[in-house]
Amino acid sequence: MPKIIDHEAYREKLLHQYFEMFAHQGYLDVTMRQIAEELGVSTGTLYHYFPSKKSLLEQLFHMASRRDSSAVLDDIQADDPIEKRLQVFVDYVRDNEKYFQDIVLLSVDYYRFSESQEFFAVMTEADKYYQYLCGRIAVGA
């Protein structure tokens, strides 16, 4: 019987592993073949989920912004005072300081690699989750 794979969960797993790799090695100097080797998958599998290195990084930014927003929103209630909602956000950022530093470094690497318009389009799309989060903090979850 064929193995049933949750493709979205597997993609997320690869993205998490990829993030750790790029946080240590950077984006520009790593090839798709090296990424596949590091993740323990074939290059065919990697290309099945991510058609390019650029696509991989773009999906990483989207996953990170969704995850960050969800993590904070899970810990606040609509009737919490604004001070508490802000504190939850600040605590999340402080508790994940290294992660956010790595995201910024990857963003800089991506910017150096891409066209300005392309970079801003990707970041604007990923930023929608953070904008939504800020709105929910401001007016209540």
N, C-alpha and C. Protein backbone atom coordinates (compact mmCIF):
# COMPACT_ATOMS: atom_id res chain seq x y z
N MET A 1 0.85 -1.18 0.00
CA MET A 1 0.00 0.00 0.00
C MET A 1 0.89 1.24 0.00
N PRO A 2 0.61 2.21 -0.86
CA PRO A 2 1.45 3.41 -0.91
C PRO A 2 1.36 4.22 0.38
N LYS A 3 2.47 4.85 0.68
CA LYS A 3 2.53 5.69 1.87
C LYS A 3 1.75 6.97 1.62
N ILE A 4 0.90 7.34 2.57
CA ILE A 4 0.12 8.57 2.45
C ILE A 4 0.92 9.70 3.08
N ILE A 5 1.12 10.75 2.29
CA ILE A 5 1.93 11.87 2.76
C ILE A 5 1.07 13.12 2.80
N ASP A 6 1.13 13.82 3.90
CA ASP A 6 0.50 15.14 4.00
C ASP A 6 1.50 16.12 3.39
N HIS A 7 1.26 16.48 2.14
CA HIS A 7 2.23 17.29 1.40
C HIS A 7 2.45 18.66 2.03
N GLU A 8 1.41 19.25 2.56
CA GLU A 8 1.56 20.58 3.17
C GLU A 8 2.41 20.48 4.44
N ALA A 9 2.17 19.47 5.25
CA ALA A 9 2.97 19.28 6.47
C ALA A 9 4.43 18.99 6.10
N TYR A 10 4.65 18.19 5.06
CA TYR A 10 6.01 17.88 4.64
C TYR A 10 6.71 19.13 4.12
N ARG A 11 5.98 19.96 3.36
CA ARG A 11 6.54 21.22 2.86
C ARG A 11 6.96 22.10 4.04
N GLU A 12 6.10 22.19 5.05
CA GLU A 12 6.41 23.01 6.23
C GLU A 12 7.65 22.46 6.95
N LYS A 13 7.74 21.14 7.04
CA LYS A 13 8.91 20.52 7.68
C LYS A 13 10.19 20.89 6.92
N LEU A 14 10.13 20.80 5.60
CA LEU A 14 11.30 21.17 4.79
C LEU A 14 11.64 22.64 4.97
N LEU A 15 10.62 23.49 5.04
CA LEU A 15 10.86 24.92 5.22
C LEU A 15 11.54 25.20 6.56
N HIS A 16 11.11 24.52 7.61
CA HIS A 16 11.74 24.71 8.93
C HIS A 16 13.22 24.30 8.87
N GLN A 17 13.49 23.15 8.26
CA GLN A 17 14.88 22.70 8.15
C GLN A 17 15.69 23.65 7.28
N TYR A 18 15.10 24.12 6.23
CA TYR A 18 15.74 25.06 5.32
C TYR A 18 16.09 26.35 6.05
N PHE A 19 15.18 26.82 6.88
CA PHE A 19 15.43 28.05 7.63
C PHE A 19 16.68 27.90 8.49
N GLU A 20 16.79 26.79 9.18
CA GLU A 20 17.97 26.56 10.02
C GLU A 20 19.24 26.56 9.19
N MET A 21 19.18 25.95 8.03
CA MET A 21 20.36 25.89 7.16
C MET A 21 20.77 27.28 6.69
N PHE A 22 19.83 28.04 6.20
CA PHE A 22 20.16 29.37 5.69
C PHE A 22 20.52 30.34 6.80
N ALA A 23 19.98 30.13 7.96
CA ALA A 23 20.34 31.00 9.08
C ALA A 23 21.83 30.86 9.38
N HIS A 24 22.38 29.68 9.12
CA HIS A 24 23.80 29.44 9.40
C HIS A 24 24.69 29.70 8.19
N GLN A 25 24.20 29.40 6.99
CA GLN A 25 25.06 29.47 5.80
C GLN A 25 24.75 30.63 4.87
N GLY A 26 23.62 31.30 5.06
CA GLY A 26 23.24 32.37 4.15
C GLY A 26 22.48 31.82 2.95
N TYR A 27 21.91 32.70 2.19
CA TYR A 27 21.07 32.33 1.05
C TYR A 27 21.85 32.25 -0.26
N LEU A 28 22.69 33.22 -0.49
CA LEU A 28 23.32 33.35 -1.80
C LEU A 28 24.31 32.25 -2.14
N ASP A 29 24.98 31.71 -1.14
CA ASP A 29 26.07 30.78 -1.39
C ASP A 29 25.67 29.31 -1.40
N VAL A 30 24.38 29.02 -1.29
CA VAL A 30 23.94 27.63 -1.20
C VAL A 30 23.16 27.26 -2.46
N THR A 31 23.47 26.10 -3.03
CA THR A 31 22.77 25.63 -4.23
C THR A 31 21.61 24.72 -3.84
N MET A 32 20.71 24.49 -4.78
CA MET A 32 19.59 23.58 -4.53
C MET A 32 20.11 22.17 -4.23
N ARG A 33 21.17 21.77 -4.89
CA ARG A 33 21.75 20.44 -4.62
C ARG A 33 22.24 20.36 -3.17
N GLN A 34 22.92 21.41 -2.70
CA GLN A 34 23.40 21.43 -1.31
C GLN A 34 22.22 21.44 -0.34
N ILE A 35 21.17 22.17 -0.69
CA ILE A 35 19.98 22.21 0.16
C ILE A 35 19.38 20.81 0.27
N ALA A 36 19.24 20.14 -0.87
CA ALA A 36 18.67 18.79 -0.88
C ALA A 36 19.52 17.84 -0.03
N GLU A 37 20.83 17.90 -0.19
CA GLU A 37 21.72 17.05 0.61
C GLU A 37 21.55 17.33 2.09
N GLU A 38 21.54 18.60 2.46
CA GLU A 38 21.42 18.98 3.86
C GLU A 38 20.09 18.54 4.46
N LEU A 39 19.02 18.62 3.65
CA LEU A 39 17.70 18.24 4.14
C LEU A 39 17.45 16.74 4.06
N GLY A 40 18.37 16.03 3.40
CA GLY A 40 18.23 14.58 3.29
C GLY A 40 17.15 14.14 2.30
N VAL A 41 16.96 14.93 1.24
CA VAL A 41 15.99 14.58 0.21
C VAL A 41 16.69 14.64 -1.15
N SER A 42 16.04 14.06 -2.14
CA SER A 42 16.61 14.14 -3.49
C SER A 42 16.34 15.54 -4.06
N THR A 43 17.12 15.91 -5.06
CA THR A 43 16.87 17.21 -5.69
C THR A 43 15.50 17.20 -6.37
N GLY A 44 15.07 16.04 -6.87
CA GLY A 44 13.74 15.94 -7.48
C GLY A 44 12.63 16.24 -6.48
N THR A 45 12.77 15.69 -5.27
CA THR A 45 11.80 15.98 -4.22
C THR A 45 11.79 17.45 -3.88
N LEU A 46 12.96 18.03 -3.76
CA LEU A 46 13.05 19.45 -3.42
C LEU A 46 12.38 20.29 -4.51
N TYR A 47 12.66 19.98 -5.77
CA TYR A 47 12.05 20.74 -6.87
C TYR A 47 10.55 20.48 -6.98
N HIS A 48 10.09 19.33 -6.51
CA HIS A 48 8.64 19.06 -6.50
C HIS A 48 7.92 20.07 -5.60
N TYR A 49 8.51 20.37 -4.47
CA TYR A 49 7.89 21.28 -3.52
C TYR A 49 8.25 22.75 -3.79
N PHE A 50 9.43 22.97 -4.31
CA PHE A 50 9.93 24.34 -4.51
C PHE A 50 10.60 24.41 -5.88
N PRO A 51 9.98 25.06 -6.85
CA PRO A 51 10.54 25.08 -8.20
C PRO A 51 11.88 25.80 -8.34
N SER A 52 12.24 26.60 -7.34
CA SER A 52 13.51 27.32 -7.38
C SER A 52 13.94 27.68 -5.97
N LYS A 53 15.18 28.07 -5.85
CA LYS A 53 15.68 28.53 -4.55
C LYS A 53 14.93 29.78 -4.11
N LYS A 54 14.65 30.63 -5.06
CA LYS A 54 13.90 31.85 -4.77
C LYS A 54 12.51 31.52 -4.24
N SER A 55 11.85 30.55 -4.86
CA SER A 55 10.53 30.12 -4.41
C SER A 55 10.59 29.57 -3.00
N LEU A 56 11.63 28.82 -2.71
CA LEU A 56 11.82 28.26 -1.38
C LEU A 56 11.89 29.39 -0.34
N LEU A 57 12.67 30.39 -0.62
CA LEU A 57 12.82 31.50 0.33
C LEU A 57 11.52 32.30 0.45
N GLU A 58 10.84 32.52 -0.66
CA GLU A 58 9.57 33.25 -0.62
C GLU A 58 8.55 32.50 0.24
N GLN A 59 8.47 31.18 0.05
CA GLN A 59 7.54 30.39 0.86
C GLN A 59 7.95 30.40 2.33
N LEU A 60 9.23 30.46 2.58
CA LEU A 60 9.70 30.55 3.96
C LEU A 60 9.21 31.84 4.61
N PHE A 61 9.31 32.96 3.91
CA PHE A 61 8.83 34.23 4.46
C PHE A 61 7.34 34.17 4.76
N HIS A 62 6.57 33.57 3.86
CA HIS A 62 5.12 33.45 4.09
C HIS A 62 4.82 32.56 5.28
N MET A 63 5.50 31.42 5.36
CA MET A 63 5.29 30.51 6.48
C MET A 63 5.64 31.18 7.80
N ALA A 64 6.75 31.89 7.83
CA ALA A 64 7.19 32.54 9.07
C ALA A 64 6.19 33.59 9.51
N SER A 65 5.69 34.40 8.59
CA SER A 65 4.75 35.45 8.98
C SER A 65 3.43 34.85 9.45
N ARG A 66 2.96 33.78 8.81
CA ARG A 66 1.74 33.10 9.27
C ARG A 66 1.94 32.52 10.67
N ARG A 67 3.07 31.85 10.85
CA ARG A 67 3.35 31.21 12.13
C ARG A 67 3.47 32.23 13.25
N ASP A 68 4.19 33.31 13.00
CA ASP A 68 4.36 34.34 14.02
C ASP A 68 3.03 34.96 14.42
N SER A 69 2.22 35.29 13.42
CA SER A 69 0.92 35.90 13.69
C SER A 69 0.04 34.95 14.49
N SER A 70 -0.01 33.70 14.09
CA SER A 70 -0.83 32.71 14.80
C SER A 70 -0.36 32.52 16.23
N ALA A 71 0.94 32.47 16.43
CA ALA A 71 1.48 32.25 17.78
C ALA A 71 1.05 33.36 18.73
N VAL A 72 1.10 34.60 18.27
CA VAL A 72 0.70 35.72 19.12
C VAL A 72 -0.81 35.73 19.30
N LEU A 73 -1.56 35.56 18.23
CA LEU A 73 -3.02 35.61 18.32
C LEU A 73 -3.58 34.50 19.20
N ASP A 74 -2.90 33.36 19.25
CA ASP A 74 -3.34 32.27 20.12
C ASP A 74 -3.27 32.65 21.59
N ASP A 75 -2.43 33.62 21.92
CA ASP A 75 -2.21 33.99 23.32
C ASP A 75 -2.94 35.25 23.75
N ILE A 76 -3.76 35.83 22.88
CA ILE A 76 -4.51 37.02 23.29
C ILE A 76 -6.00 36.80 23.08
N GLN A 77 -6.77 37.51 23.88
CA GLN A 77 -8.23 37.46 23.80
C GLN A 77 -8.76 38.83 23.42
N ALA A 78 -9.94 38.86 22.82
CA ALA A 78 -10.53 40.13 22.38
C ALA A 78 -10.73 41.11 23.53
N ASP A 79 -11.04 40.57 24.70
CA ASP A 79 -11.31 41.47 25.84
C ASP A 79 -10.08 41.76 26.69
N ASP A 80 -8.91 41.27 26.27
CA ASP A 80 -7.68 41.63 26.98
C ASP A 80 -7.40 43.11 26.79
N PRO A 81 -6.92 43.78 27.84
CA PRO A 81 -6.54 45.19 27.65
C PRO A 81 -5.40 45.31 26.64
N ILE A 82 -5.32 46.44 26.00
CA ILE A 82 -4.30 46.65 24.97
C ILE A 82 -2.90 46.44 25.52
N GLU A 83 -2.68 46.81 26.77
CA GLU A 83 -1.35 46.63 27.38
C GLU A 83 -0.96 45.15 27.39
N LYS A 84 -1.93 44.28 27.72
CA LYS A 84 -1.65 42.85 27.75
C LYS A 84 -1.40 42.33 26.33
N ARG A 85 -2.20 42.77 25.37
CA ARG A 85 -2.02 42.33 23.99
C ARG A 85 -0.64 42.74 23.47
N LEU A 86 -0.23 43.96 23.78
CA LEU A 86 1.10 44.42 23.37
C LEU A 86 2.20 43.64 24.07
N GLN A 87 2.00 43.34 25.35
CA GLN A 87 3.01 42.60 26.10
C GLN A 87 3.20 41.20 25.54
N VAL A 88 2.12 40.55 25.13
CA VAL A 88 2.22 39.23 24.52
C VAL A 88 3.08 39.30 23.26
N PHE A 89 2.85 40.33 22.45
CA PHE A 89 3.63 40.51 21.23
C PHE A 89 5.11 40.76 21.55
N VAL A 90 5.36 41.68 22.48
CA VAL A 90 6.74 42.00 22.86
C VAL A 90 7.44 40.77 23.42
N ASP A 91 6.75 40.01 24.25
CA ASP A 91 7.34 38.79 24.81
C ASP A 91 7.68 37.79 23.71
N TYR A 92 6.80 37.66 22.73
CA TYR A 92 7.06 36.72 21.63
C TYR A 92 8.32 37.13 20.87
N VAL A 93 8.43 38.41 20.57
CA VAL A 93 9.61 38.89 19.84
C VAL A 93 10.86 38.69 20.69
N ARG A 94 10.79 39.02 21.96
CA ARG A 94 11.95 38.87 22.85
C ARG A 94 12.34 37.40 23.00
N ASP A 95 11.36 36.52 23.14
CA ASP A 95 11.64 35.10 23.31
C ASP A 95 12.21 34.46 22.04
N ASN A 96 12.01 35.12 20.92
CA ASN A 96 12.47 34.59 19.63
C ASN A 96 13.45 35.54 18.95
N GLU A 97 14.24 36.21 19.74
CA GLU A 97 15.15 37.24 19.24
C GLU A 97 16.09 36.72 18.14
N LYS A 98 16.71 35.59 18.35
CA LYS A 98 17.65 35.03 17.37
C LYS A 98 16.92 34.72 16.06
N TYR A 99 15.75 34.16 16.17
CA TYR A 99 14.93 33.85 14.99
C TYR A 99 14.66 35.11 14.17
N PHE A 100 14.26 36.19 14.84
CA PHE A 100 13.97 37.43 14.12
C PHE A 100 15.24 38.05 13.51
N GLN A 101 16.35 37.90 14.19
CA GLN A 101 17.62 38.36 13.60
C GLN A 101 17.91 37.58 12.32
N ASP A 102 17.69 36.27 12.37
CA ASP A 102 17.92 35.43 11.19
C ASP A 102 16.98 35.81 10.04
N ILE A 103 15.73 36.11 10.36
CA ILE A 103 14.78 36.54 9.32
C ILE A 103 15.27 37.82 8.65
N VAL A 104 15.74 38.76 9.45
CA VAL A 104 16.24 40.03 8.89
C VAL A 104 17.45 39.76 7.99
N LEU A 105 18.37 38.91 8.43
CA LEU A 105 19.55 38.60 7.61
C LEU A 105 19.16 37.91 6.30
N LEU A 106 18.19 37.00 6.37
CA LEU A 106 17.72 36.35 5.14
C LEU A 106 17.05 37.36 4.21
N SER A 107 16.33 38.31 4.79
CA SER A 107 15.68 39.35 3.99
C SER A 107 16.72 40.18 3.25
N VAL A 108 17.79 40.51 3.93
CA VAL A 108 18.87 41.28 3.30
C VAL A 108 19.50 40.47 2.17
N ASP A 109 19.77 39.19 2.42
CA ASP A 109 20.32 38.32 1.38
C ASP A 109 19.39 38.27 0.17
N TYR A 110 18.11 38.10 0.43
CA TYR A 110 17.13 38.02 -0.65
C TYR A 110 17.09 39.33 -1.43
N TYR A 111 17.14 40.43 -0.73
CA TYR A 111 17.12 41.74 -1.39
C TYR A 111 18.32 41.89 -2.33
N ARG A 112 19.48 41.45 -1.88
CA ARG A 112 20.69 41.55 -2.71
C ARG A 112 20.57 40.69 -3.96
N PHE A 113 19.83 39.61 -3.88
CA PHE A 113 19.70 38.65 -4.98
C PHE A 113 18.62 39.04 -5.98
N SER A 114 17.59 39.73 -5.54
CA SER A 114 16.41 39.95 -6.38
C SER A 114 16.33 41.39 -6.89
N GLU A 115 15.42 41.59 -7.80
CA GLU A 115 15.09 42.94 -8.26
C GLU A 115 14.30 43.63 -7.15
N SER A 116 14.44 44.92 -7.02
CA SER A 116 13.77 45.66 -5.95
C SER A 116 12.27 45.45 -5.96
N GLN A 117 11.64 45.55 -7.13
CA GLN A 117 10.19 45.40 -7.20
C GLN A 117 9.76 44.01 -6.78
N GLU A 118 10.51 43.02 -7.20
CA GLU A 118 10.21 41.64 -6.84
C GLU A 118 10.32 41.45 -5.33
N PHE A 119 11.38 41.98 -4.75
CA PHE A 119 11.59 41.88 -3.31
C PHE A 119 10.42 42.50 -2.56
N PHE A 120 10.05 43.70 -2.94
CA PHE A 120 8.98 44.40 -2.23
C PHE A 120 7.63 43.71 -2.43
N ALA A 121 7.40 43.09 -3.57
CA ALA A 121 6.16 42.35 -3.79
C ALA A 121 6.08 41.16 -2.84
N VAL A 122 7.17 40.42 -2.70
CA VAL A 122 7.19 39.26 -1.81
C VAL A 122 7.04 39.70 -0.36
N MET A 123 7.77 40.72 0.03
CA MET A 123 7.70 41.19 1.41
C MET A 123 6.34 41.80 1.74
N THR A 124 5.74 42.49 0.79
CA THR A 124 4.42 43.06 1.01
C THR A 124 3.40 41.96 1.23
N GLU A 125 3.49 40.90 0.46
CA GLU A 125 2.56 39.78 0.62
C GLU A 125 2.75 39.11 1.98
N ALA A 126 3.98 38.84 2.36
CA ALA A 126 4.25 38.22 3.66
C ALA A 126 3.87 39.15 4.80
N ASP A 127 4.03 40.45 4.58
CA ASP A 127 3.75 41.45 5.61
C ASP A 127 2.26 41.55 5.93
N LYS A 128 1.41 41.07 5.06
CA LYS A 128 -0.04 41.14 5.32
C LYS A 128 -0.40 40.44 6.63
N TYR A 129 0.28 39.37 6.94
CA TYR A 129 0.00 38.66 8.19
C TYR A 129 0.38 39.52 9.39
N TYR A 130 1.51 40.20 9.29
CA TYR A 130 1.93 41.07 10.39
C TYR A 130 1.00 42.28 10.52
N GLN A 131 0.53 42.80 9.39
CA GLN A 131 -0.42 43.91 9.44
C GLN A 131 -1.72 43.48 10.10
N TYR A 132 -2.18 42.29 9.75
CA TYR A 132 -3.38 41.75 10.37
C TYR A 132 -3.17 41.59 11.88
N LEU A 133 -2.03 41.05 12.25
CA LEU A 133 -1.70 40.88 13.67
C LEU A 133 -1.72 42.22 14.39
N CYS A 134 -1.10 43.23 13.82
CA CYS A 134 -1.07 44.55 14.46
C CYS A 134 -2.48 45.12 14.61
N GLY A 135 -3.31 44.91 13.62
CA GLY A 135 -4.70 45.36 13.72
C GLY A 135 -5.45 44.66 14.83
N ARG A 136 -5.22 43.36 14.95
CA ARG A 136 -5.90 42.60 16.02
C ARG A 136 -5.39 43.01 17.40
N ILE A 137 -4.12 43.33 17.51
CA ILE A 137 -3.58 43.80 18.79
C ILE A 137 -4.19 45.15 19.12
N ALA A 138 -4.31 46.02 18.14
CA ALA A 138 -4.80 47.38 18.38
C ALA A 138 -6.27 47.41 18.77
N VAL A 139 -7.10 46.61 18.11
CA VAL A 139 -8.55 46.68 18.37
C VAL A 139 -9.08 45.51 19.18
N GLY A 140 -8.27 44.51 19.40
CA GLY A 140 -8.69 43.33 20.15
C GLY A 140 -8.81 42.14 19.24
N ALA A 141 -8.49 40.99 19.79
CA ALA A 141 -8.48 39.76 18.99
C ALA A 141 -9.86 39.40 18.66
